[in-house]
Amino acid sequence: MLTGDVEVLKACSHGGLADETLDYFDRMHKVYNVEADAFHYSCLVDALSRAGRLYDAYKVNKEMTVKPTAKTRRALLANYVLLARIYASVGRYEEAERMRMKGQ
């Protein structure tokens, strides 16, 4: 694992740049021949789920080429919980419950 790769993915994720994270993740393998590991995948899952793209994050988590770690699952779960809380705070209780159920 190259530390710089993970740091770029983390920076994109924390900056809310889901599309850029996905683009860099793809280029990492296709252009630089870097094989993604669990750290790379957890950054990608985090970026997608932070952007509200929970289905995409879930799909990446299910289809990743390495064994999912607690970190990748936690990145997805944390954002399901956050979204459920947001829905509940504005009185959208059915959506909140749906997010809670998906997060289980």
C-alpha atoms as a PDB file:
ATOM      1  CA  MET A   1       0.000   0.000   0.000  1.00  0.00           C
ATOM      2  CA  LEU A   2       1.270   3.426  -0.870  1.00  0.00           C
ATOM      3  CA  THR A   3       0.464   5.967   1.814  1.00  0.00           C
ATOM      4  CA  GLY A   4       0.027   8.756  -0.726  1.00  0.00           C
ATOM      5  CA  ASP A   5      -2.787   6.874  -2.440  1.00  0.00           C
ATOM      6  CA  VAL A   6      -4.766   6.536   0.765  1.00  0.00           C
ATOM      7  CA  GLU A   7      -4.122  10.156   1.722  1.00  0.00           C
ATOM      8  CA  VAL A   8      -5.432  11.429  -1.627  1.00  0.00           C
ATOM      9  CA  LEU A   9      -8.540   9.254  -1.277  1.00  0.00           C
ATOM     10  CA  LYS A  10      -9.079  10.444   2.309  1.00  0.00           C
ATOM     11  CA  ALA A  11      -8.676  14.079   1.294  1.00  0.00           C
ATOM     12  CA  CYS A  12     -11.226  13.693  -1.489  1.00  0.00           C
ATOM     13  CA  SER A  13     -13.599  11.890   0.860  1.00  0.00           C
ATOM     14  CA  HIS A  14     -13.381  14.484   3.622  1.00  0.00           C
ATOM     15  CA  GLY A  15     -13.695  17.250   1.047  1.00  0.00           C
ATOM     16  CA  GLY A  16     -16.996  15.829  -0.169  1.00  0.00           C
ATOM     17  CA  LEU A  17     -15.555  14.967  -3.557  1.00  0.00           C
ATOM     18  CA  ALA A  18     -17.186  11.590  -4.210  1.00  0.00           C
ATOM     19  CA  ASP A  19     -16.812  11.699  -8.001  1.00  0.00           C
ATOM     20  CA  GLU A  20     -13.141  12.665  -7.712  1.00  0.00           C
ATOM     21  CA  THR A  21     -12.563   9.862  -5.199  1.00  0.00           C
ATOM     22  CA  LEU A  22     -14.130   7.366  -7.582  1.00  0.00           C
ATOM     23  CA  ASP A  23     -12.112   8.730 -10.500  1.00  0.00           C
ATOM     24  CA  TYR A  24      -8.832   8.560  -8.597  1.00  0.00           C
ATOM     25  CA  PHE A  25      -9.673   5.070  -7.321  1.00  0.00           C
ATOM     26  CA  ASP A  26     -10.191   3.887 -10.912  1.00  0.00           C
ATOM     27  CA  ARG A  27      -7.056   5.615 -12.223  1.00  0.00           C
ATOM     28  CA  MET A  28      -5.029   4.203  -9.361  1.00  0.00           C
ATOM     29  CA  HIS A  29      -5.431   0.733 -10.853  1.00  0.00           C
ATOM     30  CA  LYS A  30      -5.745   1.476 -14.572  1.00  0.00           C
ATOM     31  CA  VAL A  31      -2.968   4.057 -14.881  1.00  0.00           C
ATOM     32  CA  TYR A  32      -0.630   3.402 -11.951  1.00  0.00           C
ATOM     33  CA  ASN A  33      -1.156  -0.372 -11.588  1.00  0.00           C
ATOM     34  CA  VAL A  34      -1.824  -0.073  -7.854  1.00  0.00           C
ATOM     35  CA  GLU A  35      -4.001  -2.862  -6.506  1.00  0.00           C
ATOM     36  CA  ALA A  36      -6.657  -1.582  -4.132  1.00  0.00           C
ATOM     37  CA  ASP A  37      -6.545  -2.908  -0.596  1.00  0.00           C
ATOM     38  CA  ALA A  38      -9.006  -2.623   2.284  1.00  0.00           C
ATOM     39  CA  PHE A  39      -7.799   0.908   3.149  1.00  0.00           C
ATOM     40  CA  HIS A  40      -8.442   2.125  -0.388  1.00  0.00           C
ATOM     41  CA  TYR A  41     -11.893   0.564  -0.421  1.00  0.00           C
ATOM     42  CA  SER A  42     -12.819   2.021   2.972  1.00  0.00           C
ATOM     43  CA  CYS A  43     -11.942   5.508   1.694  1.00  0.00           C
ATOM     44  CA  LEU A  44     -14.099   4.956  -1.386  1.00  0.00           C
ATOM     45  CA  VAL A  45     -17.035   3.622   0.642  1.00  0.00           C
ATOM     46  CA  ASP A  46     -16.711   6.548   3.041  1.00  0.00           C
ATOM     47  CA  ALA A  47     -16.634   9.118   0.219  1.00  0.00           C
ATOM     48  CA  LEU A  48     -19.690   7.688  -1.503  1.00  0.00           C
ATOM     49  CA  SER A  49     -21.713   7.315   1.669  1.00  0.00           C
ATOM     50  CA  ARG A  50     -20.809  10.818   2.907  1.00  0.00           C
ATOM     51  CA  ALA A  51     -22.144  12.136  -0.400  1.00  0.00           C
ATOM     52  CA  GLY A  52     -25.444  10.352   0.212  1.00  0.00           C
ATOM     53  CA  ARG A  53     -24.710   7.738  -2.412  1.00  0.00           C
ATOM     54  CA  LEU A  54     -25.423   4.911  -0.016  1.00  0.00           C
ATOM     55  CA  TYR A  55     -26.480   2.440  -2.683  1.00  0.00           C
ATOM     56  CA  ASP A  56     -23.198   2.983  -4.552  1.00  0.00           C
ATOM     57  CA  ALA A  57     -21.246   2.614  -1.301  1.00  0.00           C
ATOM     58  CA  TYR A  58     -23.140  -0.562  -0.436  1.00  0.00           C
ATOM     59  CA  LYS A  59     -22.476  -1.955  -3.919  1.00  0.00           C
ATOM     60  CA  VAL A  60     -18.730  -1.241  -3.621  1.00  0.00           C
ATOM     61  CA  ASN A  61     -18.724  -2.905  -0.202  1.00  0.00           C
ATOM     62  CA  LYS A  62     -20.379  -6.014  -1.637  1.00  0.00           C
ATOM     63  CA  GLU A  63     -18.270  -6.221  -4.805  1.00  0.00           C
ATOM     64  CA  MET A  64     -14.818  -5.276  -3.521  1.00  0.00           C
ATOM     65  CA  THR A  65     -12.002  -7.617  -4.505  1.00  0.00           C
ATOM     66  CA  VAL A  66     -10.628  -7.917  -0.967  1.00  0.00           C
ATOM     67  CA  LYS A  67     -12.355  -9.129   2.162  1.00  0.00           C
ATOM     68  CA  PRO A  68     -14.421  -6.311   3.717  1.00  0.00           C
ATOM     69  CA  THR A  69     -13.031  -5.086   7.001  1.00  0.00           C
ATOM     70  CA  ALA A  70     -14.747  -3.576  10.002  1.00  0.00           C
ATOM     71  CA  LYS A  71     -13.560  -0.178   8.776  1.00  0.00           C
ATOM     72  CA  THR A  72     -15.328  -0.484   5.414  1.00  0.00           C
ATOM     73  CA  ARG A  73     -18.531  -1.668   7.068  1.00  0.00           C
ATOM     74  CA  ARG A  74     -18.320   1.047   9.718  1.00  0.00           C
ATOM     75  CA  ALA A  75     -17.944   3.742   7.038  1.00  0.00           C
ATOM     76  CA  LEU A  76     -21.174   2.601   5.436  1.00  0.00           C
ATOM     77  CA  LEU A  77     -23.074   2.037   8.682  1.00  0.00           C
ATOM     78  CA  ALA A  78     -22.103   5.408  10.178  1.00  0.00           C
ATOM     79  CA  ASN A  79     -23.567   7.233   7.232  1.00  0.00           C
ATOM     80  CA  TYR A  80     -26.789   5.212   7.295  1.00  0.00           C
ATOM     81  CA  VAL A  81     -27.166   6.221  10.948  1.00  0.00           C
ATOM     82  CA  LEU A  82     -26.403   9.861  10.160  1.00  0.00           C
ATOM     83  CA  LEU A  83     -28.950   9.939   7.357  1.00  0.00           C
ATOM     84  CA  ALA A  84     -31.568   8.327   9.617  1.00  0.00           C
ATOM     85  CA  ARG A  85     -30.951  11.006  12.244  1.00  0.00           C
ATOM     86  CA  ILE A  86     -31.286  13.764   9.666  1.00  0.00           C
ATOM     87  CA  TYR A  87     -34.599  12.342   8.446  1.00  0.00           C
ATOM     88  CA  ALA A  88     -35.880  12.034  12.018  1.00  0.00           C
ATOM     89  CA  SER A  89     -34.847  15.590  12.892  1.00  0.00           C
ATOM     90  CA  VAL A  90     -37.094  16.981  10.162  1.00  0.00           C
ATOM     91  CA  GLY A  91     -40.023  14.702  10.986  1.00  0.00           C
ATOM     92  CA  ARG A  92     -39.520  12.198   8.158  1.00  0.00           C
ATOM     93  CA  TYR A  93     -39.867   9.199  10.459  1.00  0.00           C
ATOM     94  CA  GLU A  94     -40.710   6.613   7.802  1.00  0.00           C
ATOM     95  CA  GLU A  95     -37.517   7.421   5.886  1.00  0.00           C
ATOM     96  CA  ALA A  96     -35.561   7.409   9.142  1.00  0.00           C
ATOM     97  CA  GLU A  97     -36.853   3.952   9.998  1.00  0.00           C
ATOM     98  CA  ARG A  98     -36.059   2.708   6.497  1.00  0.00           C
ATOM     99  CA  MET A  99     -32.451   3.932   6.883  1.00  0.00           C
ATOM    100  CA  ARG A 100     -32.189   2.282  10.298  1.00  0.00           C
ATOM    101  CA  MET A 101     -33.390  -1.009   8.837  1.00  0.00           C
ATOM    102  CA  LYS A 102     -30.934  -0.814   5.927  1.00  0.00           C
ATOM    103  CA  GLY A 103     -28.092  -0.136   8.335  1.00  0.00           C
ATOM    104  CA  GLN A 104     -28.668  -3.358  10.236  1.00  0.00           C
END
